[in-house]
Amino acid sequence: MAGKLIVFEGTDGSGKSTQFQLCCQALTEAGREFRTTVYPRYREESSALVRMYLGGAFGSHPDDVNAYAASTFFAVDRYAGYKQEWGAYYEAGGLMVMDRYTTSNAVHQASKLPQAQREGFFHWLFDLEYQRMGLPSPDQVIWLDMPTHLAVANLRRREAATHTQADIHEEDNDYLTACAQAAAQAAQLYGWKRIPCVNDQGQLRSVEDIHKEIMQLILE
């Protein structure tokens, strides 16, 4: 009996990792048994091509590697993680909570394509991983919908505070805008749970307010 798979998605700078961590903390406090995986698994050999790609080894702009080729880099790492870390637990009925998954390629790689071609890419992507590679499809995708200008501001603050170098995705503002558009398209087509990160007045919602809404969805 397969378990349940919950995925957190969002563009870079959306606060996704923060909300993922808060969710895990809340599930632990509630006594729920679960496991987590964060993709890409940067410390594992299976992410070698992902690291090369994001580090600029194949070009300094995201478009230097087409959406289909780049997606296979990430898919291999997900397959390895499933086989090595969490597949048996999930198949035995376990709850998995993911920070990024196949759905991230729907956000980050479909953005390289014209809008009219994205639905075909989504179909190819999900068929590749969920059908041909045998990875489980998510039961619930929680999409943090953050306006791009606020996401970019968050990224730049984080880079300054941590003295880290942005990867080729994070440093390209136009690319981040296209990612947000691709995410909205995928969310509408596949029923992702949209969590707006700003209120009706365009003001940023508090971390706690967003967390509360997410946990209501999950605990249902």
N, C-alpha and C. Protein backbone atom coordinates (compact mmCIF):
# COMPACT_ATOMS: atom_id res chain seq x y z
N MET A 1 0.85 -1.20 0.00
CA MET A 1 0.00 0.00 0.00
C MET A 1 0.88 1.24 0.00
N ALA A 2 0.76 2.03 -1.07
CA ALA A 2 1.59 3.24 -1.18
C ALA A 2 1.17 4.26 -0.14
N GLY A 3 2.12 5.12 0.21
CA GLY A 3 1.88 6.14 1.21
C GLY A 3 1.32 7.42 0.61
N LYS A 4 1.70 8.54 1.20
CA LYS A 4 1.24 9.84 0.74
C LYS A 4 2.45 10.73 0.51
N LEU A 5 2.37 11.52 -0.56
CA LEU A 5 3.48 12.37 -0.97
C LEU A 5 3.01 13.82 -1.07
N ILE A 6 3.58 14.67 -0.22
CA ILE A 6 3.26 16.10 -0.20
C ILE A 6 4.49 16.88 -0.65
N VAL A 7 4.32 17.79 -1.59
CA VAL A 7 5.44 18.52 -2.18
C VAL A 7 5.26 20.02 -1.99
N PHE A 8 6.33 20.67 -1.56
CA PHE A 8 6.38 22.13 -1.48
C PHE A 8 7.07 22.67 -2.73
N GLU A 9 6.40 23.60 -3.41
CA GLU A 9 6.97 24.21 -4.61
C GLU A 9 6.88 25.73 -4.54
N GLY A 10 7.74 26.37 -5.28
CA GLY A 10 7.74 27.83 -5.37
C GLY A 10 8.98 28.28 -6.09
N THR A 11 8.95 29.46 -6.63
CA THR A 11 10.13 30.00 -7.28
C THR A 11 11.20 30.30 -6.23
N ASP A 12 12.42 30.49 -6.68
CA ASP A 12 13.49 30.88 -5.76
C ASP A 12 13.11 32.18 -5.07
N GLY A 13 13.30 32.22 -3.75
CA GLY A 13 12.98 33.42 -3.00
C GLY A 13 11.54 33.50 -2.54
N SER A 14 10.78 32.41 -2.70
CA SER A 14 9.35 32.43 -2.34
C SER A 14 9.11 32.13 -0.86
N GLY A 15 10.15 31.69 -0.15
CA GLY A 15 9.96 31.28 1.24
C GLY A 15 9.60 29.82 1.38
N LYS A 16 9.74 29.08 0.30
CA LYS A 16 9.36 27.66 0.27
C LYS A 16 10.10 26.84 1.32
N SER A 17 11.41 27.00 1.41
CA SER A 17 12.18 26.19 2.35
C SER A 17 11.80 26.50 3.80
N THR A 18 11.51 27.77 4.07
CA THR A 18 11.07 28.14 5.42
C THR A 18 9.76 27.46 5.77
N GLN A 19 8.81 27.49 4.84
CA GLN A 19 7.51 26.87 5.10
C GLN A 19 7.62 25.34 5.18
N PHE A 20 8.49 24.76 4.40
CA PHE A 20 8.75 23.33 4.47
C PHE A 20 9.25 22.96 5.86
N GLN A 21 10.21 23.71 6.38
CA GLN A 21 10.77 23.43 7.69
C GLN A 21 9.73 23.61 8.80
N LEU A 22 8.90 24.64 8.69
CA LEU A 22 7.85 24.86 9.69
C LEU A 22 6.82 23.74 9.66
N CYS A 23 6.50 23.27 8.48
CA CYS A 23 5.56 22.15 8.35
C CYS A 23 6.13 20.90 9.02
N CYS A 24 7.39 20.61 8.77
CA CYS A 24 8.01 19.43 9.38
C CYS A 24 8.03 19.54 10.90
N GLN A 25 8.29 20.74 11.38
CA GLN A 25 8.29 20.95 12.83
C GLN A 25 6.90 20.72 13.41
N ALA A 26 5.89 21.22 12.73
CA ALA A 26 4.52 21.07 13.21
C ALA A 26 4.08 19.60 13.18
N LEU A 27 4.45 18.87 12.14
CA LEU A 27 4.09 17.46 12.06
C LEU A 27 4.77 16.66 13.17
N THR A 28 6.03 17.02 13.46
CA THR A 28 6.75 16.34 14.55
C THR A 28 6.07 16.60 15.88
N GLU A 29 5.70 17.87 16.12
CA GLU A 29 5.05 18.22 17.37
C GLU A 29 3.68 17.55 17.51
N ALA A 30 3.05 17.28 16.36
CA ALA A 30 1.74 16.62 16.38
C ALA A 30 1.86 15.10 16.49
N GLY A 31 3.10 14.60 16.53
CA GLY A 31 3.31 13.16 16.67
C GLY A 31 3.09 12.37 15.40
N ARG A 32 3.13 13.04 14.24
CA ARG A 32 2.94 12.36 12.97
C ARG A 32 4.25 11.75 12.49
N GLU A 33 4.23 10.51 12.06
CA GLU A 33 5.42 9.88 11.49
C GLU A 33 5.55 10.28 10.02
N PHE A 34 6.72 10.71 9.62
CA PHE A 34 6.95 11.10 8.23
C PHE A 34 8.45 11.13 7.96
N ARG A 35 8.79 11.21 6.71
CA ARG A 35 10.17 11.41 6.30
C ARG A 35 10.23 12.55 5.29
N THR A 36 11.43 13.09 5.11
CA THR A 36 11.60 14.22 4.19
C THR A 36 12.75 13.96 3.23
N THR A 37 12.66 14.62 2.10
CA THR A 37 13.77 14.69 1.15
C THR A 37 13.77 16.09 0.55
N VAL A 38 14.95 16.63 0.39
CA VAL A 38 15.13 17.93 -0.25
C VAL A 38 15.86 17.69 -1.57
N TYR A 39 15.23 18.09 -2.65
CA TYR A 39 15.84 17.99 -3.98
C TYR A 39 16.24 19.37 -4.49
N PRO A 40 17.36 19.44 -5.24
CA PRO A 40 18.32 18.37 -5.56
C PRO A 40 19.11 17.95 -4.32
N ARG A 41 19.66 16.73 -4.35
CA ARG A 41 20.49 16.23 -3.27
C ARG A 41 21.95 16.58 -3.59
N TYR A 42 22.32 17.80 -3.28
CA TYR A 42 23.58 18.35 -3.76
C TYR A 42 24.81 17.56 -3.31
N ARG A 43 24.72 16.85 -2.20
CA ARG A 43 25.88 16.13 -1.69
C ARG A 43 26.03 14.73 -2.27
N GLU A 44 25.08 14.32 -3.10
CA GLU A 44 25.10 12.97 -3.64
C GLU A 44 25.67 12.96 -5.06
N GLU A 45 26.28 11.84 -5.43
CA GLU A 45 26.86 11.70 -6.76
C GLU A 45 25.82 11.87 -7.86
N SER A 46 24.59 11.46 -7.57
CA SER A 46 23.54 11.52 -8.59
C SER A 46 23.18 12.94 -9.00
N SER A 47 23.62 13.94 -8.25
CA SER A 47 23.33 15.34 -8.59
C SER A 47 24.48 16.01 -9.33
N ALA A 48 25.44 15.25 -9.79
CA ALA A 48 26.63 15.84 -10.41
C ALA A 48 26.28 16.74 -11.59
N LEU A 49 25.42 16.27 -12.48
CA LEU A 49 25.05 17.07 -13.64
C LEU A 49 24.22 18.29 -13.24
N VAL A 50 23.41 18.14 -12.20
CA VAL A 50 22.65 19.29 -11.69
C VAL A 50 23.61 20.37 -11.21
N ARG A 51 24.60 19.97 -10.44
CA ARG A 51 25.58 20.94 -9.92
C ARG A 51 26.36 21.60 -11.04
N MET A 52 26.74 20.83 -12.03
CA MET A 52 27.47 21.40 -13.17
C MET A 52 26.60 22.40 -13.92
N TYR A 53 25.36 22.03 -14.14
CA TYR A 53 24.41 22.91 -14.86
C TYR A 53 24.18 24.21 -14.11
N LEU A 54 23.83 24.11 -12.82
CA LEU A 54 23.54 25.31 -12.04
C LEU A 54 24.79 26.16 -11.81
N GLY A 55 25.95 25.53 -11.83
CA GLY A 55 27.20 26.26 -11.65
C GLY A 55 27.71 26.91 -12.91
N GLY A 56 27.04 26.68 -14.03
CA GLY A 56 27.42 27.34 -15.28
C GLY A 56 28.36 26.56 -16.15
N ALA A 57 28.56 25.27 -15.88
CA ALA A 57 29.50 24.48 -16.67
C ALA A 57 29.04 24.30 -18.11
N PHE A 58 27.72 24.39 -18.36
CA PHE A 58 27.20 24.20 -19.70
C PHE A 58 26.74 25.52 -20.33
N GLY A 59 27.00 26.60 -19.65
CA GLY A 59 26.61 27.92 -20.13
C GLY A 59 26.17 28.78 -18.98
N SER A 60 26.32 30.07 -19.13
CA SER A 60 26.05 31.00 -18.03
C SER A 60 24.60 31.44 -17.94
N HIS A 61 23.77 31.02 -18.88
CA HIS A 61 22.35 31.40 -18.89
C HIS A 61 21.52 30.13 -18.87
N PRO A 62 20.38 30.13 -18.16
CA PRO A 62 19.55 28.92 -18.12
C PRO A 62 19.20 28.36 -19.48
N ASP A 63 18.98 29.23 -20.48
CA ASP A 63 18.58 28.78 -21.81
C ASP A 63 19.70 28.08 -22.56
N ASP A 64 20.91 28.10 -22.03
CA ASP A 64 22.01 27.41 -22.70
C ASP A 64 21.84 25.89 -22.67
N VAL A 65 20.99 25.40 -21.79
CA VAL A 65 20.63 23.98 -21.76
C VAL A 65 19.11 23.91 -21.91
N ASN A 66 18.64 23.22 -22.93
CA ASN A 66 17.20 23.24 -23.19
C ASN A 66 16.41 22.53 -22.08
N ALA A 67 15.12 22.78 -22.05
CA ALA A 67 14.27 22.32 -20.96
C ALA A 67 14.28 20.80 -20.81
N TYR A 68 14.33 20.09 -21.92
CA TYR A 68 14.27 18.63 -21.87
C TYR A 68 15.58 18.04 -21.36
N ALA A 69 16.69 18.55 -21.84
CA ALA A 69 17.99 18.05 -21.38
C ALA A 69 18.19 18.34 -19.89
N ALA A 70 17.92 19.58 -19.48
CA ALA A 70 18.12 19.95 -18.07
C ALA A 70 17.22 19.11 -17.17
N SER A 71 16.01 18.84 -17.61
CA SER A 71 15.08 18.06 -16.78
C SER A 71 15.61 16.66 -16.48
N THR A 72 16.33 16.08 -17.45
CA THR A 72 16.85 14.73 -17.21
C THR A 72 17.92 14.74 -16.12
N PHE A 73 18.67 15.84 -15.99
CA PHE A 73 19.67 15.92 -14.92
C PHE A 73 19.00 15.76 -13.55
N PHE A 74 17.92 16.50 -13.36
CA PHE A 74 17.20 16.47 -12.08
C PHE A 74 16.46 15.15 -11.89
N ALA A 75 15.92 14.59 -13.00
CA ALA A 75 15.17 13.34 -12.90
C ALA A 75 16.05 12.20 -12.40
N VAL A 76 17.29 12.15 -12.86
CA VAL A 76 18.21 11.09 -12.42
C VAL A 76 18.43 11.17 -10.91
N ASP A 77 18.60 12.38 -10.39
CA ASP A 77 18.81 12.54 -8.95
C ASP A 77 17.56 12.12 -8.17
N ARG A 78 16.39 12.44 -8.69
CA ARG A 78 15.16 12.03 -8.00
C ARG A 78 15.01 10.50 -8.00
N TYR A 79 15.34 9.89 -9.12
CA TYR A 79 15.24 8.43 -9.20
C TYR A 79 16.20 7.78 -8.20
N ALA A 80 17.43 8.29 -8.13
CA ALA A 80 18.41 7.74 -7.19
C ALA A 80 17.93 7.91 -5.75
N GLY A 81 17.38 9.06 -5.43
CA GLY A 81 16.86 9.29 -4.09
C GLY A 81 15.74 8.34 -3.74
N TYR A 82 14.85 8.10 -4.70
CA TYR A 82 13.73 7.18 -4.48
C TYR A 82 14.25 5.77 -4.19
N LYS A 83 15.21 5.32 -5.00
CA LYS A 83 15.74 3.97 -4.84
C LYS A 83 16.60 3.82 -3.59
N GLN A 84 17.34 4.87 -3.25
CA GLN A 84 18.31 4.78 -2.15
C GLN A 84 17.73 5.13 -0.79
N GLU A 85 16.78 6.10 -0.75
CA GLU A 85 16.42 6.70 0.52
C GLU A 85 14.99 6.46 0.98
N TRP A 86 14.04 6.65 0.09
CA TRP A 86 12.68 6.76 0.60
C TRP A 86 11.63 5.89 -0.09
N GLY A 87 11.99 5.23 -1.17
CA GLY A 87 10.99 4.46 -1.92
C GLY A 87 10.33 3.36 -1.11
N ALA A 88 11.14 2.56 -0.40
CA ALA A 88 10.59 1.44 0.37
C ALA A 88 9.66 1.94 1.47
N TYR A 89 10.06 3.03 2.14
CA TYR A 89 9.23 3.61 3.20
C TYR A 89 7.89 4.09 2.63
N TYR A 90 7.96 4.79 1.51
CA TYR A 90 6.73 5.29 0.88
C TYR A 90 5.83 4.13 0.45
N GLU A 91 6.40 3.13 -0.19
CA GLU A 91 5.61 2.01 -0.70
C GLU A 91 4.98 1.20 0.44
N ALA A 92 5.57 1.30 1.63
CA ALA A 92 5.00 0.61 2.79
C ALA A 92 3.92 1.45 3.49
N GLY A 93 3.57 2.58 2.91
CA GLY A 93 2.49 3.40 3.47
C GLY A 93 2.95 4.65 4.18
N GLY A 94 4.23 5.01 4.07
CA GLY A 94 4.76 6.16 4.79
C GLY A 94 4.39 7.50 4.16
N LEU A 95 4.43 8.53 5.00
CA LEU A 95 4.17 9.91 4.58
C LEU A 95 5.51 10.57 4.23
N MET A 96 5.62 11.08 3.00
CA MET A 96 6.80 11.81 2.56
C MET A 96 6.44 13.27 2.36
N VAL A 97 7.30 14.16 2.88
CA VAL A 97 7.14 15.59 2.69
C VAL A 97 8.39 16.09 1.96
N MET A 98 8.20 16.67 0.77
CA MET A 98 9.31 17.02 -0.12
C MET A 98 9.49 18.53 -0.27
N ASP A 99 10.73 18.95 -0.23
CA ASP A 99 11.11 20.30 -0.65
C ASP A 99 11.60 20.17 -2.08
N ARG A 100 10.73 20.46 -3.03
CA ARG A 100 10.92 20.29 -4.47
C ARG A 100 10.78 18.83 -4.88
N TYR A 101 10.33 18.67 -6.15
CA TYR A 101 10.16 17.33 -6.70
C TYR A 101 10.10 17.48 -8.22
N THR A 102 9.54 16.50 -8.90
CA THR A 102 9.37 16.59 -10.35
C THR A 102 8.71 17.91 -10.75
N THR A 103 7.79 18.35 -9.94
CA THR A 103 7.06 19.58 -10.20
C THR A 103 7.97 20.80 -10.32
N SER A 104 9.18 20.74 -9.77
CA SER A 104 10.11 21.85 -9.91
C SER A 104 10.56 22.04 -11.35
N ASN A 105 10.67 20.94 -12.09
CA ASN A 105 11.00 21.09 -13.50
C ASN A 105 9.86 21.72 -14.28
N ALA A 106 8.63 21.48 -13.82
CA ALA A 106 7.49 22.16 -14.44
C ALA A 106 7.59 23.66 -14.24
N VAL A 107 8.15 24.08 -13.12
CA VAL A 107 8.31 25.51 -12.84
C VAL A 107 9.54 26.06 -13.55
N HIS A 108 10.68 25.43 -13.35
CA HIS A 108 11.95 26.02 -13.74
C HIS A 108 12.37 25.72 -15.17
N GLN A 109 11.95 24.61 -15.72
CA GLN A 109 12.35 24.29 -17.09
C GLN A 109 11.28 24.66 -18.12
N ALA A 110 10.02 24.51 -17.78
CA ALA A 110 8.97 24.93 -18.72
C ALA A 110 9.05 26.41 -19.01
N SER A 111 9.64 27.17 -18.09
CA SER A 111 9.76 28.62 -18.28
C SER A 111 10.62 28.97 -19.49
N LYS A 112 11.43 28.02 -19.97
CA LYS A 112 12.29 28.26 -21.12
C LYS A 112 11.53 28.19 -22.44
N LEU A 113 10.29 27.69 -22.37
CA LEU A 113 9.50 27.45 -23.57
C LEU A 113 8.41 28.49 -23.73
N PRO A 114 7.97 28.74 -24.97
CA PRO A 114 6.80 29.61 -25.17
C PRO A 114 5.59 29.02 -24.46
N GLN A 115 4.69 29.87 -24.04
CA GLN A 115 3.53 29.42 -23.26
C GLN A 115 2.76 28.32 -23.98
N ALA A 116 2.63 28.41 -25.29
CA ALA A 116 1.85 27.43 -26.05
C ALA A 116 2.49 26.05 -26.04
N GLN A 117 3.78 25.96 -25.74
CA GLN A 117 4.48 24.67 -25.74
C GLN A 117 4.60 24.05 -24.35
N ARG A 118 4.21 24.77 -23.34
CA ARG A 118 4.46 24.31 -21.97
C ARG A 118 3.60 23.11 -21.59
N GLU A 119 2.35 23.10 -22.01
CA GLU A 119 1.49 21.97 -21.64
C GLU A 119 2.04 20.67 -22.20
N GLY A 120 2.56 20.70 -23.43
CA GLY A 120 3.18 19.51 -24.00
C GLY A 120 4.41 19.08 -23.21
N PHE A 121 5.16 20.06 -22.73
CA PHE A 121 6.33 19.74 -21.90
C PHE A 121 5.90 19.11 -20.58
N PHE A 122 4.87 19.66 -19.94
CA PHE A 122 4.38 19.08 -18.69
C PHE A 122 4.02 17.60 -18.90
N HIS A 123 3.32 17.33 -19.99
CA HIS A 123 2.91 15.95 -20.27
C HIS A 123 4.14 15.06 -20.43
N TRP A 124 5.12 15.52 -21.18
CA TRP A 124 6.36 14.74 -21.37
C TRP A 124 7.06 14.50 -20.04
N LEU A 125 7.17 15.54 -19.23
CA LEU A 125 7.88 15.46 -17.96
C LEU A 125 7.23 14.46 -17.01
N PHE A 126 5.93 14.60 -16.83
CA PHE A 126 5.25 13.73 -15.87
C PHE A 126 5.16 12.30 -16.38
N ASP A 127 5.05 12.12 -17.69
CA ASP A 127 5.08 10.77 -18.25
C ASP A 127 6.45 10.14 -18.03
N LEU A 128 7.52 10.90 -18.25
CA LEU A 128 8.88 10.39 -18.06
C LEU A 128 9.09 9.90 -16.63
N GLU A 129 8.76 10.73 -15.65
CA GLU A 129 9.11 10.39 -14.27
C GLU A 129 8.07 9.49 -13.60
N TYR A 130 6.80 9.79 -13.79
CA TYR A 130 5.78 9.03 -13.06
C TYR A 130 5.43 7.71 -13.74
N GLN A 131 5.55 7.66 -15.05
CA GLN A 131 5.19 6.43 -15.76
C GLN A 131 6.43 5.61 -16.13
N ARG A 132 7.32 6.19 -16.89
CA ARG A 132 8.44 5.43 -17.43
C ARG A 132 9.53 5.16 -16.40
N MET A 133 9.79 6.12 -15.51
CA MET A 133 10.80 5.91 -14.47
C MET A 133 10.20 5.28 -13.21
N GLY A 134 8.89 5.34 -13.07
CA GLY A 134 8.21 4.68 -11.96
C GLY A 134 8.22 5.45 -10.65
N LEU A 135 8.46 6.75 -10.69
CA LEU A 135 8.40 7.55 -9.47
C LEU A 135 6.93 7.84 -9.12
N PRO A 136 6.61 7.94 -7.85
CA PRO A 136 5.21 8.23 -7.48
C PRO A 136 4.84 9.68 -7.79
N SER A 137 3.61 9.88 -8.17
CA SER A 137 3.12 11.25 -8.38
C SER A 137 2.64 11.82 -7.04
N PRO A 138 2.74 13.13 -6.87
CA PRO A 138 2.34 13.73 -5.58
C PRO A 138 0.84 13.63 -5.34
N ASP A 139 0.49 13.49 -4.07
CA ASP A 139 -0.90 13.57 -3.67
C ASP A 139 -1.33 15.02 -3.50
N GLN A 140 -0.37 15.87 -3.14
CA GLN A 140 -0.67 17.27 -2.88
C GLN A 140 0.57 18.10 -3.20
N VAL A 141 0.39 19.13 -4.02
CA VAL A 141 1.47 20.08 -4.32
C VAL A 141 1.07 21.43 -3.76
N ILE A 142 1.87 21.93 -2.84
CA ILE A 142 1.61 23.22 -2.21
C ILE A 142 2.52 24.25 -2.88
N TRP A 143 1.90 25.16 -3.59
CA TRP A 143 2.64 26.14 -4.39
C TRP A 143 2.57 27.50 -3.71
N LEU A 144 3.73 28.01 -3.32
CA LEU A 144 3.83 29.33 -2.72
C LEU A 144 3.94 30.37 -3.83
N ASP A 145 2.88 31.12 -4.00
CA ASP A 145 2.79 32.10 -5.10
C ASP A 145 3.29 33.45 -4.60
N MET A 146 4.57 33.71 -4.87
CA MET A 146 5.21 34.95 -4.45
C MET A 146 5.46 35.85 -5.67
N PRO A 147 5.01 37.11 -5.65
CA PRO A 147 5.32 38.02 -6.76
C PRO A 147 6.83 38.09 -7.00
N THR A 148 7.21 38.13 -8.26
CA THR A 148 8.63 38.00 -8.61
C THR A 148 9.48 39.10 -8.00
N HIS A 149 8.98 40.33 -7.96
CA HIS A 149 9.82 41.41 -7.44
C HIS A 149 10.13 41.21 -5.96
N LEU A 150 9.20 40.61 -5.22
CA LEU A 150 9.46 40.33 -3.81
C LEU A 150 10.38 39.12 -3.65
N ALA A 151 10.21 38.12 -4.52
CA ALA A 151 11.09 36.96 -4.48
C ALA A 151 12.53 37.36 -4.77
N VAL A 152 12.71 38.24 -5.75
CA VAL A 152 14.06 38.70 -6.09
C VAL A 152 14.68 39.46 -4.93
N ALA A 153 13.88 40.31 -4.28
CA ALA A 153 14.39 41.06 -3.13
C ALA A 153 14.82 40.11 -2.02
N ASN A 154 14.03 39.05 -1.79
CA ASN A 154 14.41 38.05 -0.79
C ASN A 154 15.72 37.37 -1.15
N LEU A 155 15.88 37.02 -2.43
CA LEU A 155 17.11 36.36 -2.87
C LEU A 155 18.33 37.24 -2.65
N ARG A 156 18.20 38.51 -3.01
CA ARG A 156 19.36 39.41 -2.90
C ARG A 156 19.73 39.65 -1.43
N ARG A 157 18.72 39.71 -0.56
CA ARG A 157 19.00 39.86 0.87
C ARG A 157 19.71 38.61 1.40
N ARG A 158 19.25 37.45 0.97
CA ARG A 158 19.85 36.21 1.42
C ARG A 158 21.31 36.10 0.96
N GLU A 159 21.55 36.47 -0.28
CA GLU A 159 22.91 36.40 -0.81
C GLU A 159 23.84 37.33 -0.04
N ALA A 160 23.35 38.54 0.28
CA ALA A 160 24.18 39.50 1.01
C ALA A 160 24.44 39.02 2.43
N ALA A 161 23.41 38.43 3.06
CA ALA A 161 23.55 38.00 4.45
C ALA A 161 24.45 36.79 4.59
N THR A 162 24.42 35.90 3.60
CA THR A 162 25.18 34.65 3.69
C THR A 162 26.46 34.66 2.88
N HIS A 163 26.66 35.75 2.13
CA HIS A 163 27.86 35.88 1.27
C HIS A 163 27.96 34.70 0.30
N THR A 164 26.81 34.33 -0.27
CA THR A 164 26.78 33.23 -1.23
C THR A 164 26.60 33.77 -2.64
N GLN A 165 27.06 33.00 -3.60
CA GLN A 165 26.94 33.35 -5.01
C GLN A 165 25.67 32.75 -5.60
N ALA A 166 24.88 33.55 -6.29
CA ALA A 166 23.66 33.04 -6.92
C ALA A 166 24.01 32.07 -8.03
N ASP A 167 23.17 31.03 -8.22
CA ASP A 167 23.38 30.15 -9.37
C ASP A 167 22.76 30.80 -10.61
N ILE A 168 22.87 30.12 -11.76
CA ILE A 168 22.43 30.75 -13.01
C ILE A 168 20.93 30.96 -13.06
N HIS A 169 20.17 30.23 -12.25
CA HIS A 169 18.73 30.48 -12.14
C HIS A 169 18.47 31.73 -11.30
N GLU A 170 19.09 31.79 -10.15
CA GLU A 170 18.78 32.83 -9.17
C GLU A 170 19.22 34.22 -9.61
N GLU A 171 20.24 34.30 -10.46
CA GLU A 171 20.76 35.62 -10.82
C GLU A 171 20.05 36.25 -12.01
N ASP A 172 19.14 35.54 -12.62
CA ASP A 172 18.47 36.01 -13.84
C ASP A 172 17.03 36.40 -13.52
N ASN A 173 16.77 37.70 -13.41
CA ASN A 173 15.43 38.17 -13.02
C ASN A 173 14.36 37.84 -14.06
N ASP A 174 14.70 37.95 -15.35
CA ASP A 174 13.73 37.63 -16.40
C ASP A 174 13.35 36.15 -16.35
N TYR A 175 14.33 35.33 -16.08
CA TYR A 175 14.07 33.89 -15.96
C TYR A 175 13.14 33.61 -14.78
N LEU A 176 13.35 34.30 -13.65
CA LEU A 176 12.50 34.10 -12.48
C LEU A 176 11.06 34.52 -12.77
N THR A 177 10.90 35.58 -13.57
CA THR A 177 9.56 36.01 -13.97
C THR A 177 8.87 34.94 -14.80
N ALA A 178 9.61 34.35 -15.74
CA ALA A 178 9.05 33.29 -16.58
C ALA A 178 8.71 32.06 -15.75
N CYS A 179 9.51 31.78 -14.72
CA CYS A 179 9.23 30.64 -13.83
C CYS A 179 7.90 30.83 -13.12
N ALA A 180 7.65 32.04 -12.65
CA ALA A 180 6.39 32.31 -11.96
C ALA A 180 5.20 32.09 -12.90
N GLN A 181 5.36 32.48 -14.16
CA GLN A 181 4.29 32.29 -15.14
C GLN A 181 4.07 30.81 -15.43
N ALA A 182 5.16 30.05 -15.55
CA ALA A 182 5.04 28.61 -15.80
C ALA A 182 4.40 27.90 -14.60
N ALA A 183 4.76 28.34 -13.40
CA ALA A 183 4.18 27.74 -12.19
C ALA A 183 2.67 27.97 -12.15
N ALA A 184 2.24 29.17 -12.49
CA ALA A 184 0.81 29.46 -12.47
C ALA A 184 0.06 28.60 -13.50
N GLN A 185 0.68 28.39 -14.64
CA GLN A 185 0.06 27.56 -15.67
C GLN A 185 -0.04 26.11 -15.22
N ALA A 186 1.03 25.58 -14.65
CA ALA A 186 1.02 24.19 -14.16
C ALA A 186 0.02 24.02 -13.02
N ALA A 187 -0.01 25.00 -12.12
CA ALA A 187 -0.92 24.92 -10.97
C ALA A 187 -2.37 24.83 -11.42
N GLN A 188 -2.72 25.61 -12.43
CA GLN A 188 -4.09 25.60 -12.93
C GLN A 188 -4.43 24.28 -13.61
N LEU A 189 -3.48 23.75 -14.38
CA LEU A 189 -3.72 22.52 -15.12
C LEU A 189 -3.80 21.29 -14.21
N TYR A 190 -2.99 21.28 -13.14
CA TYR A 190 -2.83 20.07 -12.35
C TYR A 190 -3.36 20.18 -10.92
N GLY A 191 -4.06 21.26 -10.62
CA GLY A 191 -4.74 21.35 -9.34
C GLY A 191 -3.83 21.53 -8.14
N TRP A 192 -2.69 22.21 -8.33
CA TRP A 192 -1.83 22.50 -7.19
C TRP A 192 -2.56 23.44 -6.23
N LYS A 193 -2.24 23.31 -4.96
CA LYS A 193 -2.85 24.17 -3.94
C LYS A 193 -2.08 25.49 -3.88
N ARG A 194 -2.70 26.55 -4.37
CA ARG A 194 -2.04 27.86 -4.42
C ARG A 194 -2.12 28.55 -3.06
N ILE A 195 -0.96 28.94 -2.54
CA ILE A 195 -0.88 29.70 -1.30
C ILE A 195 -0.36 31.09 -1.64
N PRO A 196 -1.22 32.11 -1.69
CA PRO A 196 -0.73 33.45 -2.01
C PRO A 196 0.15 33.99 -0.89
N CYS A 197 1.26 34.57 -1.26
CA CYS A 197 2.20 35.10 -0.26
C CYS A 197 1.98 36.58 0.02
N VAL A 198 1.04 37.20 -0.69
CA VAL A 198 0.65 38.58 -0.41
C VAL A 198 -0.86 38.63 -0.21
N ASN A 199 -1.32 39.63 0.52
CA ASN A 199 -2.76 39.77 0.74
C ASN A 199 -3.40 40.55 -0.41
N ASP A 200 -4.69 40.82 -0.27
CA ASP A 200 -5.42 41.50 -1.35
C ASP A 200 -4.92 42.91 -1.61
N GLN A 201 -4.22 43.48 -0.63
CA GLN A 201 -3.66 44.82 -0.79
C GLN A 201 -2.22 44.80 -1.34
N GLY A 202 -1.74 43.60 -1.67
CA GLY A 202 -0.40 43.47 -2.21
C GLY A 202 0.70 43.49 -1.17
N GLN A 203 0.32 43.38 0.10
CA GLN A 203 1.30 43.38 1.18
C GLN A 203 1.71 41.95 1.52
N LEU A 204 2.97 41.77 1.86
CA LEU A 204 3.50 40.46 2.18
C LEU A 204 2.83 39.90 3.43
N ARG A 205 2.33 38.68 3.33
CA ARG A 205 1.73 38.02 4.49
C ARG A 205 2.84 37.55 5.44
N SER A 206 2.49 37.41 6.70
CA SER A 206 3.48 36.96 7.67
C SER A 206 3.78 35.48 7.46
N VAL A 207 4.97 35.08 7.86
CA VAL A 207 5.37 33.68 7.78
C VAL A 207 4.38 32.80 8.55
N GLU A 208 3.95 33.28 9.71
CA GLU A 208 3.04 32.51 10.56
C GLU A 208 1.67 32.35 9.90
N ASP A 209 1.19 33.39 9.25
CA ASP A 209 -0.12 33.34 8.59
C ASP A 209 -0.10 32.33 7.45
N ILE A 210 0.96 32.34 6.65
CA ILE A 210 1.09 31.40 5.55
C ILE A 210 1.20 29.97 6.09
N HIS A 211 1.98 29.80 7.13
CA HIS A 211 2.15 28.47 7.74
C HIS A 211 0.81 27.91 8.22
N LYS A 212 0.01 28.74 8.84
CA LYS A 212 -1.29 28.30 9.35
C LYS A 212 -2.17 27.79 8.21
N GLU A 213 -2.19 28.52 7.10
CA GLU A 213 -3.01 28.09 5.96
C GLU A 213 -2.51 26.77 5.39
N ILE A 214 -1.19 26.61 5.30
CA ILE A 214 -0.63 25.37 4.78
C ILE A 214 -0.99 24.18 5.67
N MET A 215 -0.88 24.35 6.96
CA MET A 215 -1.16 23.22 7.86
C MET A 215 -2.64 22.85 7.84
N GLN A 216 -3.51 23.80 7.63
CA GLN A 216 -4.93 23.48 7.50
C GLN A 216 -5.15 22.58 6.29
N LEU A 217 -4.45 22.86 5.20
CA LEU A 217 -4.56 22.04 4.00
C LEU A 217 -4.03 20.63 4.25
N ILE A 218 -2.86 20.55 4.87
CA ILE A 218 -2.20 19.26 5.06
C ILE A 218 -2.98 18.38 6.03
N LEU A 219 -3.45 18.96 7.11
CA LEU A 219 -4.11 18.17 8.14
C LEU A 219 -5.52 17.75 7.74
N GLU A 220 -6.04 18.32 6.66
CA GLU A 220 -7.32 17.85 6.15
C GLU A 220 -7.22 16.41 5.66
